[in-house]
Amino acid sequence: MKFSGLQKTSLIDYPNRVAAVLFTPGCNLRCPYCYNWRIVVNPKPPFLNEETTLQILEERKKYVDAVVITGGEPTIHKELPRFLKRLKERGFAVKLDTNGLNPTVLEECLPHVDYVALDLKTSPEKYNLLGVKEAEALLKTVEILKSGKVEYELRTTVVPKIVEEADINRMGEIAKGAENYALQQFVSGDTLSEEYKNLQPYPPDKIAEFAETLKKYVENVVLRV
């Protein structure tokens, strides 16, 4: 494994834990509102190699008790399950962030993770806006997580144009019976697409309305706005 970066301490990326965050290069989506687009579109060295990364994490053990693997998209890297196993063998709690488009790799990872955050970005019918033709694999991933092998959450960054009222209902249908669902505020700025750099986010009360819609499908809906 190689990594585009490491955030040594985070209080927000792993629920109720102090974590280090590793960023993997590359992604199989091209979300126009992506803020990590530099490591997605054209990842450049210097990269952290696996052994150096593990050494840094070992040295951080007195400050953190968990590691979050995010991206980019971690599951495009075939070495991921083996690396997660090495983290677990060193005593870390492990959280994996994924877009859910590689369910086979995710299943290989599950024995070595404690928590999965799945980005349900919009209704499957609109994934063409994110650079893929269809999202059948995503639906399989949702069902894998619902089987209860590992603690998880579904989460959506509520981006205007990408996520609208009809999409919320569709995503609610997909998420029905899930444990946790988080709605996150979109922050404009340094995004992949120029169109989204100055896009006005939804006001918090609109996101609260979306949350009420989702509560018809998922009992525990969290707002991060």
C-alpha atoms as a PDB file:
ATOM      1  CA  MET A   1       0.000   0.000   0.000  1.00  0.00           C
ATOM      2  CA  LYS A   2       0.993   3.592  -0.550  1.00  0.00           C
ATOM      3  CA  PHE A   3      -0.673   6.699   0.818  1.00  0.00           C
ATOM      4  CA  SER A   4      -1.013  10.281  -0.345  1.00  0.00           C
ATOM      5  CA  GLY A   5      -1.120  11.612   3.173  1.00  0.00           C
ATOM      6  CA  LEU A   6      -1.584  11.012   6.874  1.00  0.00           C
ATOM      7  CA  GLN A   7      -3.487  13.162   9.344  1.00  0.00           C
ATOM      8  CA  LYS A   8      -1.917  12.322  12.686  1.00  0.00           C
ATOM      9  CA  THR A   9      -4.913  13.123  14.881  1.00  0.00           C
ATOM     10  CA  SER A  10      -8.644  13.461  14.259  1.00  0.00           C
ATOM     11  CA  LEU A  11     -11.500  13.767  16.735  1.00  0.00           C
ATOM     12  CA  ILE A  12     -14.280  13.642  14.112  1.00  0.00           C
ATOM     13  CA  ASP A  13     -13.505  10.869  11.616  1.00  0.00           C
ATOM     14  CA  TYR A  14     -14.152   7.864  13.873  1.00  0.00           C
ATOM     15  CA  PRO A  15     -17.167   8.055  16.217  1.00  0.00           C
ATOM     16  CA  ASN A  16     -16.079   8.281  19.865  1.00  0.00           C
ATOM     17  CA  ARG A  17     -12.420   7.597  19.135  1.00  0.00           C
ATOM     18  CA  VAL A  18      -9.214   9.546  18.568  1.00  0.00           C
ATOM     19  CA  ALA A  19      -7.911   8.420  15.205  1.00  0.00           C
ATOM     20  CA  ALA A  20      -5.170   8.860  12.672  1.00  0.00           C
ATOM     21  CA  VAL A  21      -6.418   9.219   9.086  1.00  0.00           C
ATOM     22  CA  LEU A  22      -4.737   7.703   6.016  1.00  0.00           C
ATOM     23  CA  PHE A  23      -5.562   8.958   2.508  1.00  0.00           C
ATOM     24  CA  THR A  24      -5.252   6.540  -0.424  1.00  0.00           C
ATOM     25  CA  PRO A  25      -4.571   7.892  -3.932  1.00  0.00           C
ATOM     26  CA  GLY A  26      -6.950   7.471  -6.865  1.00  0.00           C
ATOM     27  CA  CYS A  27     -10.694   6.884  -7.139  1.00  0.00           C
ATOM     28  CA  ASN A  28     -13.215   5.172  -9.409  1.00  0.00           C
ATOM     29  CA  LEU A  29     -15.580   8.166  -9.234  1.00  0.00           C
ATOM     30  CA  ARG A  30     -15.283  11.772 -10.380  1.00  0.00           C
ATOM     31  CA  CYS A  31     -17.644  13.626  -8.065  1.00  0.00           C
ATOM     32  CA  PRO A  32     -17.753  17.255  -9.231  1.00  0.00           C
ATOM     33  CA  TYR A  33     -17.888  18.509  -5.642  1.00  0.00           C
ATOM     34  CA  CYS A  34     -14.846  16.462  -4.486  1.00  0.00           C
ATOM     35  CA  TYR A  35     -12.425  18.463  -2.327  1.00  0.00           C
ATOM     36  CA  ASN A  36      -9.705  15.769  -2.345  1.00  0.00           C
ATOM     37  CA  TRP A  37      -9.613  15.864  -6.135  1.00  0.00           C
ATOM     38  CA  ARG A  38      -5.837  16.294  -6.396  1.00  0.00           C
ATOM     39  CA  ILE A  39      -5.166  12.843  -4.969  1.00  0.00           C
ATOM     40  CA  VAL A  40      -8.062  11.481  -7.059  1.00  0.00           C
ATOM     41  CA  VAL A  41      -7.307  12.830 -10.516  1.00  0.00           C
ATOM     42  CA  ASN A  42      -3.526  13.036 -10.545  1.00  0.00           C
ATOM     43  CA  PRO A  43      -1.929  11.652  -7.393  1.00  0.00           C
ATOM     44  CA  LYS A  44       1.700  12.725  -7.184  1.00  0.00           C
ATOM     45  CA  PRO A  45       4.621  11.726  -4.979  1.00  0.00           C
ATOM     46  CA  PRO A  46       5.942  11.835  -2.394  1.00  0.00           C
ATOM     47  CA  PHE A  47       3.867   8.874  -1.197  1.00  0.00           C
ATOM     48  CA  LEU A  48       4.089   7.253   2.206  1.00  0.00           C
ATOM     49  CA  ASN A  49       5.014   3.597   1.865  1.00  0.00           C
ATOM     50  CA  GLU A  50       3.450   0.906   4.013  1.00  0.00           C
ATOM     51  CA  GLU A  51       6.371   0.311   6.391  1.00  0.00           C
ATOM     52  CA  THR A  52       6.930   4.009   7.071  1.00  0.00           C
ATOM     53  CA  THR A  53       3.202   4.450   7.660  1.00  0.00           C
ATOM     54  CA  LEU A  54       3.061   1.605  10.165  1.00  0.00           C
ATOM     55  CA  GLN A  55       6.107   2.976  11.974  1.00  0.00           C
ATOM     56  CA  ILE A  56       4.484   6.410  12.324  1.00  0.00           C
ATOM     57  CA  LEU A  57       1.257   4.837  13.586  1.00  0.00           C
ATOM     58  CA  GLU A  58       3.125   2.765  16.166  1.00  0.00           C
ATOM     59  CA  GLU A  59       4.786   5.951  17.424  1.00  0.00           C
ATOM     60  CA  ARG A  60       1.351   7.616  17.678  1.00  0.00           C
ATOM     61  CA  LYS A  61      -0.215   4.867  19.805  1.00  0.00           C
ATOM     62  CA  LYS A  62      -0.105   6.931  22.985  1.00  0.00           C
ATOM     63  CA  TYR A  63      -2.243   9.573  21.260  1.00  0.00           C
ATOM     64  CA  VAL A  64      -4.592   7.556  19.013  1.00  0.00           C
ATOM     65  CA  ASP A  65      -6.344   4.206  19.357  1.00  0.00           C
ATOM     66  CA  ALA A  66      -7.840   3.971  15.867  1.00  0.00           C
ATOM     67  CA  VAL A  67      -6.989   4.361  12.190  1.00  0.00           C
ATOM     68  CA  VAL A  68      -9.341   5.591   9.458  1.00  0.00           C
ATOM     69  CA  ILE A  69      -8.621   4.619   5.849  1.00  0.00           C
ATOM     70  CA  THR A  70     -10.154   7.070   3.392  1.00  0.00           C
ATOM     71  CA  GLY A  71      -9.374   8.503  -0.017  1.00  0.00           C
ATOM     72  CA  GLY A  72      -9.788   8.768  -2.856  1.00  0.00           C
ATOM     73  CA  GLU A  73     -11.299   5.290  -2.748  1.00  0.00           C
ATOM     74  CA  PRO A  74      -9.409   2.706  -0.672  1.00  0.00           C
ATOM     75  CA  THR A  75     -11.013  -0.387  -2.228  1.00  0.00           C
ATOM     76  CA  ILE A  76      -9.404   0.182  -5.641  1.00  0.00           C
ATOM     77  CA  HIS A  77      -6.141  -1.012  -4.043  1.00  0.00           C
ATOM     78  CA  LYS A  78      -5.808  -4.798  -4.066  1.00  0.00           C
ATOM     79  CA  GLU A  79      -3.400  -4.664  -1.106  1.00  0.00           C
ATOM     80  CA  LEU A  80      -6.039  -3.114   1.158  1.00  0.00           C
ATOM     81  CA  PRO A  81      -7.322  -6.253   2.988  1.00  0.00           C
ATOM     82  CA  ARG A  82      -3.772  -7.338   3.851  1.00  0.00           C
ATOM     83  CA  PHE A  83      -2.875  -3.865   5.123  1.00  0.00           C
ATOM     84  CA  LEU A  84      -6.021  -3.694   7.278  1.00  0.00           C
ATOM     85  CA  LYS A  85      -5.074  -7.063   8.777  1.00  0.00           C
ATOM     86  CA  ARG A  86      -1.673  -5.637   9.729  1.00  0.00           C
ATOM     87  CA  LEU A  87      -3.367  -2.711  11.465  1.00  0.00           C
ATOM     88  CA  LYS A  88      -5.614  -5.050  13.458  1.00  0.00           C
ATOM     89  CA  GLU A  89      -2.627  -7.200  14.436  1.00  0.00           C
ATOM     90  CA  ARG A  90      -1.082  -4.069  15.940  1.00  0.00           C
ATOM     91  CA  GLY A  91      -4.129  -3.456  18.100  1.00  0.00           C
ATOM     92  CA  PHE A  92      -5.763  -0.542  16.285  1.00  0.00           C
ATOM     93  CA  ALA A  93      -9.487  -0.133  15.821  1.00  0.00           C
ATOM     94  CA  VAL A  94      -9.995   0.278  12.070  1.00  0.00           C
ATOM     95  CA  LYS A  95     -12.593   2.309  10.167  1.00  0.00           C
ATOM     96  CA  LEU A  96     -12.933   2.137   6.394  1.00  0.00           C
ATOM     97  CA  ASP A  97     -14.533   4.868   4.277  1.00  0.00           C
ATOM     98  CA  THR A  98     -15.814   3.644   0.913  1.00  0.00           C
ATOM     99  CA  ASN A  99     -18.095   4.569  -1.969  1.00  0.00           C
ATOM    100  CA  GLY A 100     -19.344   0.988  -2.097  1.00  0.00           C
ATOM    101  CA  LEU A 101     -18.590   0.277  -5.751  1.00  0.00           C
ATOM    102  CA  ASN A 102     -16.244  -2.636  -4.992  1.00  0.00           C
ATOM    103  CA  PRO A 103     -18.355  -4.998  -2.841  1.00  0.00           C
ATOM    104  CA  THR A 104     -16.066  -7.996  -3.423  1.00  0.00           C
ATOM    105  CA  VAL A 105     -13.051  -6.147  -2.018  1.00  0.00           C
ATOM    106  CA  LEU A 106     -15.157  -4.810   0.840  1.00  0.00           C
ATOM    107  CA  GLU A 107     -16.138  -8.344   1.842  1.00  0.00           C
ATOM    108  CA  GLU A 108     -12.447  -9.291   1.957  1.00  0.00           C
ATOM    109  CA  CYS A 109     -11.851  -6.302   4.259  1.00  0.00           C
ATOM    110  CA  LEU A 110     -14.680  -6.920   6.725  1.00  0.00           C
ATOM    111  CA  PRO A 111     -12.818  -9.430   8.941  1.00  0.00           C
ATOM    112  CA  HIS A 112     -10.206  -6.730   9.574  1.00  0.00           C
ATOM    113  CA  VAL A 113     -12.355  -3.643  10.206  1.00  0.00           C
ATOM    114  CA  ASP A 114     -14.496  -2.450  13.102  1.00  0.00           C
ATOM    115  CA  TYR A 115     -16.532   0.239  11.366  1.00  0.00           C
ATOM    116  CA  VAL A 116     -17.485   1.073   7.787  1.00  0.00           C
ATOM    117  CA  ALA A 117     -18.759   4.425   6.518  1.00  0.00           C
ATOM    118  CA  LEU A 118     -20.494   4.024   3.167  1.00  0.00           C
ATOM    119  CA  ASP A 119     -21.010   7.123   1.048  1.00  0.00           C
ATOM    120  CA  LEU A 120     -24.460   6.883  -0.507  1.00  0.00           C
ATOM    121  CA  LYS A 121     -23.955   9.900  -2.710  1.00  0.00           C
ATOM    122  CA  THR A 122     -27.336  10.188  -4.423  1.00  0.00           C
ATOM    123  CA  SER A 123     -29.990   7.949  -5.948  1.00  0.00           C
ATOM    124  CA  PRO A 124     -28.446   5.202  -8.142  1.00  0.00           C
ATOM    125  CA  GLU A 125     -30.087   6.683 -11.228  1.00  0.00           C
ATOM    126  CA  LYS A 126     -27.956   9.825 -10.869  1.00  0.00           C
ATOM    127  CA  TYR A 127     -24.553   8.182 -10.453  1.00  0.00           C
ATOM    128  CA  ASN A 128     -23.858   9.103 -14.068  1.00  0.00           C
ATOM    129  CA  LEU A 129     -23.307  12.624 -12.694  1.00  0.00           C
ATOM    130  CA  LEU A 130     -20.424  11.157 -10.671  1.00  0.00           C
ATOM    131  CA  GLY A 131     -18.646   9.498 -13.554  1.00  0.00           C
ATOM    132  CA  VAL A 132     -20.032   5.951 -13.661  1.00  0.00           C
ATOM    133  CA  LYS A 133     -22.720   4.426 -15.850  1.00  0.00           C
ATOM    134  CA  GLU A 134     -24.553   2.479 -13.162  1.00  0.00           C
ATOM    135  CA  ALA A 135     -24.450   1.744  -9.437  1.00  0.00           C
ATOM    136  CA  GLU A 136     -25.656  -1.849  -9.065  1.00  0.00           C
ATOM    137  CA  ALA A 137     -22.540  -2.686  -7.068  1.00  0.00           C
ATOM    138  CA  LEU A 138     -23.494  -0.040  -4.527  1.00  0.00           C
ATOM    139  CA  LEU A 139     -26.800  -1.790  -3.809  1.00  0.00           C
ATOM    140  CA  LYS A 140     -24.935  -5.029  -3.160  1.00  0.00           C
ATOM    141  CA  THR A 141     -22.640  -3.256  -0.713  1.00  0.00           C
ATOM    142  CA  VAL A 142     -25.605  -1.837   1.203  1.00  0.00           C
ATOM    143  CA  GLU A 143     -27.040  -5.338   1.606  1.00  0.00           C
ATOM    144  CA  ILE A 144     -23.661  -6.685   2.762  1.00  0.00           C
ATOM    145  CA  LEU A 145     -23.520  -4.043   5.491  1.00  0.00           C
ATOM    146  CA  LYS A 146     -27.119  -4.636   6.521  1.00  0.00           C
ATOM    147  CA  SER A 147     -26.208  -8.272   7.218  1.00  0.00           C
ATOM    148  CA  GLY A 148     -24.593  -7.021  10.411  1.00  0.00           C
ATOM    149  CA  LYS A 149     -21.045  -8.347  10.131  1.00  0.00           C
ATOM    150  CA  VAL A 150     -19.593  -5.023  11.235  1.00  0.00           C
ATOM    151  CA  GLU A 151     -20.774  -1.708  12.708  1.00  0.00           C
ATOM    152  CA  TYR A 152     -21.510   0.801   9.950  1.00  0.00           C
ATOM    153  CA  GLU A 153     -23.170   3.997   8.867  1.00  0.00           C
ATOM    154  CA  LEU A 154     -24.532   5.255   5.581  1.00  0.00           C
ATOM    155  CA  ARG A 155     -23.800   8.892   4.925  1.00  0.00           C
ATOM    156  CA  THR A 156     -24.674  11.494   2.330  1.00  0.00           C
ATOM    157  CA  THR A 157     -23.083  14.860   1.654  1.00  0.00           C
ATOM    158  CA  VAL A 158     -26.128  16.908   0.735  1.00  0.00           C
ATOM    159  CA  VAL A 159     -24.977  18.655  -2.444  1.00  0.00           C
ATOM    160  CA  PRO A 160     -27.530  20.791  -4.322  1.00  0.00           C
ATOM    161  CA  LYS A 161     -28.255  19.407  -7.834  1.00  0.00           C
ATOM    162  CA  ILE A 162     -26.771  16.043  -6.851  1.00  0.00           C
ATOM    163  CA  VAL A 163     -29.171  15.424  -3.943  1.00  0.00           C
ATOM    164  CA  GLU A 164     -32.786  16.599  -4.187  1.00  0.00           C
ATOM    165  CA  GLU A 165     -36.032  15.676  -2.450  1.00  0.00           C
ATOM    166  CA  ALA A 166     -36.817  12.765  -4.791  1.00  0.00           C
ATOM    167  CA  ASP A 167     -33.316  11.397  -4.306  1.00  0.00           C
ATOM    168  CA  ILE A 168     -33.737  11.448  -0.524  1.00  0.00           C
ATOM    169  CA  ASN A 169     -36.807   9.233  -0.788  1.00  0.00           C
ATOM    170  CA  ARG A 170     -35.019   6.853  -3.162  1.00  0.00           C
ATOM    171  CA  MET A 171     -31.988   6.645  -0.861  1.00  0.00           C
ATOM    172  CA  GLY A 172     -34.301   6.073   2.079  1.00  0.00           C
ATOM    173  CA  GLU A 173     -35.799   3.079   0.299  1.00  0.00           C
ATOM    174  CA  ILE A 174     -32.315   1.669  -0.287  1.00  0.00           C
ATOM    175  CA  ALA A 175     -31.279   2.326   3.326  1.00  0.00           C
ATOM    176  CA  LYS A 176     -34.443   0.900   4.900  1.00  0.00           C
ATOM    177  CA  GLY A 177     -33.533  -1.091   7.970  1.00  0.00           C
ATOM    178  CA  ALA A 178     -30.001   0.304   8.194  1.00  0.00           C
ATOM    179  CA  GLU A 179     -28.466   1.077  11.588  1.00  0.00           C
ATOM    180  CA  ASN A 180     -27.341   4.671  11.144  1.00  0.00           C
ATOM    181  CA  TYR A 181     -27.619   7.367   8.492  1.00  0.00           C
ATOM    182  CA  ALA A 182     -25.699  10.657   8.567  1.00  0.00           C
ATOM    183  CA  LEU A 183     -26.446  13.762   6.488  1.00  0.00           C
ATOM    184  CA  GLN A 184     -23.449  16.023   6.007  1.00  0.00           C
ATOM    185  CA  GLN A 185     -23.300  19.621   4.863  1.00  0.00           C
ATOM    186  CA  PHE A 186     -21.663  20.405   1.533  1.00  0.00           C
ATOM    187  CA  VAL A 187     -18.915  23.028   1.738  1.00  0.00           C
ATOM    188  CA  SER A 188     -18.097  24.887  -1.462  1.00  0.00           C
ATOM    189  CA  GLY A 189     -14.565  25.975  -2.258  1.00  0.00           C
ATOM    190  CA  ASP A 190     -11.700  24.061  -3.859  1.00  0.00           C
ATOM    191  CA  THR A 191     -13.789  21.449  -5.687  1.00  0.00           C
ATOM    192  CA  LEU A 192     -13.039  19.333  -8.771  1.00  0.00           C
ATOM    193  CA  SER A 193     -15.594  21.154 -10.915  1.00  0.00           C
ATOM    194  CA  GLU A 194     -15.562  24.937 -11.308  1.00  0.00           C
ATOM    195  CA  GLU A 195     -19.360  24.821 -11.233  1.00  0.00           C
ATOM    196  CA  TYR A 196     -19.353  23.732  -7.583  1.00  0.00           C
ATOM    197  CA  LYS A 197     -16.699  26.080  -6.225  1.00  0.00           C
ATOM    198  CA  ASN A 198     -19.228  28.791  -5.420  1.00  0.00           C
ATOM    199  CA  LEU A 199     -22.371  26.666  -5.193  1.00  0.00           C
ATOM    200  CA  GLN A 200     -24.662  27.758  -2.367  1.00  0.00           C
ATOM    201  CA  PRO A 201     -25.191  24.901   0.123  1.00  0.00           C
ATOM    202  CA  TYR A 202     -28.612  23.937   1.395  1.00  0.00           C
ATOM    203  CA  PRO A 203     -29.642  25.865   4.535  1.00  0.00           C
ATOM    204  CA  PRO A 204     -29.608  23.742   7.718  1.00  0.00           C
ATOM    205  CA  ASP A 205     -33.403  23.729   7.974  1.00  0.00           C
ATOM    206  CA  LYS A 206     -33.661  22.130   4.516  1.00  0.00           C
ATOM    207  CA  ILE A 207     -31.243  19.401   5.548  1.00  0.00           C
ATOM    208  CA  ALA A 208     -33.353  18.899   8.681  1.00  0.00           C
ATOM    209  CA  GLU A 209     -36.359  18.345   6.390  1.00  0.00           C
ATOM    210  CA  PHE A 210     -34.380  15.730   4.477  1.00  0.00           C
ATOM    211  CA  ALA A 211     -33.575  14.062   7.797  1.00  0.00           C
ATOM    212  CA  GLU A 212     -37.253  13.848   8.698  1.00  0.00           C
ATOM    213  CA  THR A 213     -37.921  12.146   5.378  1.00  0.00           C
ATOM    214  CA  LEU A 214     -35.153   9.616   6.042  1.00  0.00           C
ATOM    215  CA  LYS A 215     -36.549   8.830   9.500  1.00  0.00           C
ATOM    216  CA  LYS A 216     -39.416   7.060   7.752  1.00  0.00           C
ATOM    217  CA  TYR A 217     -36.819   4.479   6.671  1.00  0.00           C
ATOM    218  CA  VAL A 218     -33.950   4.616   9.193  1.00  0.00           C
ATOM    219  CA  GLU A 219     -34.413   5.022  12.925  1.00  0.00           C
ATOM    220  CA  ASN A 220     -31.155   6.791  13.749  1.00  0.00           C
ATOM    221  CA  VAL A 221     -30.497   9.800  11.473  1.00  0.00           C
ATOM    222  CA  VAL A 222     -27.655  12.148  12.418  1.00  0.00           C
ATOM    223  CA  LEU A 223     -27.083  15.683  11.145  1.00  0.00           C
ATOM    224  CA  ARG A 224     -23.554  16.972  10.581  1.00  0.00           C
ATOM    225  CA  VAL A 225     -24.176  20.541   9.478  1.00  0.00           C
END
